[in-house]
């Protein structure tokens, strides 16, 4: 699922409709096919998985 290690600054994880996984330092916002940073944080593409028909419910806070 993830092609790289999750950086320590990532506090939110989410998957876009196309299957791409992203990490965010601040809670991202939802748009029509995925998530975007809220202009106050950083983000990084973590990998790619199977397209997810339930992607709108993929946002979660990173454990720890």
Protein backbone atom coordinates (compact mmCIF):
# COMPACT_ATOMS: atom_id res chain seq x y z
CA UNK A 1 0.00 0.00 0.00
CA UNK A 2 2.67 2.58 1.00
CA UNK A 3 5.78 2.92 -1.15
CA UNK A 4 7.69 4.80 1.54
CA UNK A 5 7.93 5.15 5.28
CA UNK A 6 5.45 7.57 6.82
CA UNK A 7 7.30 10.72 8.00
CA UNK A 8 6.95 11.62 11.67
CA UNK A 9 5.25 14.94 10.81
CA UNK A 10 2.31 13.17 9.12
CA UNK A 11 -0.72 13.17 11.43
CA UNK A 12 -3.50 12.41 8.88
CA UNK A 13 -3.76 9.67 6.24
CA UNK A 14 -6.26 9.55 3.37
CA UNK A 15 -6.83 7.74 0.10
CA UNK A 16 -8.08 9.42 -3.09
CA UNK A 17 -10.66 7.88 -5.41
CA UNK A 18 -7.94 6.67 -7.80
CA UNK A 19 -6.21 4.72 -5.01
CA UNK A 20 -3.38 7.18 -4.19
CA UNK A 21 -2.51 7.39 -0.47
CA UNK A 22 -1.42 10.73 1.01
CA UNK A 23 -0.07 11.92 4.34
CA UNK A 24 -0.88 15.37 5.75
CA UNK A 25 0.47 17.41 8.64
CA UNK A 26 -2.92 19.13 9.12
CA UNK A 27 -6.42 17.75 8.56
CA UNK A 28 -7.11 17.90 4.80
CA UNK A 29 -10.29 18.94 3.01
CA UNK A 30 -12.46 16.80 0.76
CA UNK A 31 -12.96 17.60 -2.93
CA UNK A 32 -14.72 15.75 -5.76
CA UNK A 33 -12.14 12.95 -6.21
CA UNK A 34 -9.83 13.17 -3.23
CA UNK A 35 -8.29 15.24 -0.48
CA UNK A 36 -6.21 18.42 -0.44
CA UNK A 37 -4.08 20.20 2.12
CA UNK A 38 -5.74 23.07 3.91
CA UNK A 39 -3.04 25.61 2.98
CA UNK A 40 -1.45 25.54 6.43
CA UNK A 41 0.22 22.15 6.33
CA UNK A 42 2.49 19.89 4.36
CA UNK A 43 1.56 16.78 2.42
CA UNK A 44 3.30 13.81 0.79
CA UNK A 45 2.25 11.04 -1.58
CA UNK A 46 2.83 7.76 0.26
CA UNK A 47 1.89 5.19 -2.33
CA UNK A 48 -0.86 3.76 -4.47
CA UNK A 49 -3.45 1.08 -3.81
CA UNK A 50 -6.55 -0.24 -5.51
CA UNK A 51 -9.09 2.47 -6.41
CA UNK A 52 -11.44 2.79 -3.46
CA UNK A 53 -15.19 3.30 -4.03
CA UNK A 54 -15.47 4.33 -0.34
CA UNK A 55 -12.53 6.76 -0.47
CA UNK A 56 -14.56 9.56 1.21
CA UNK A 57 -14.37 7.52 4.44
CA UNK A 58 -10.62 6.85 4.26
CA UNK A 59 -9.45 9.90 6.25
CA UNK A 60 -8.06 8.98 9.64
CA UNK A 61 -5.62 10.27 12.19
CA UNK A 62 -2.32 8.40 12.26
CA UNK A 63 -2.04 6.18 15.34
CA UNK A 64 0.39 7.33 17.96
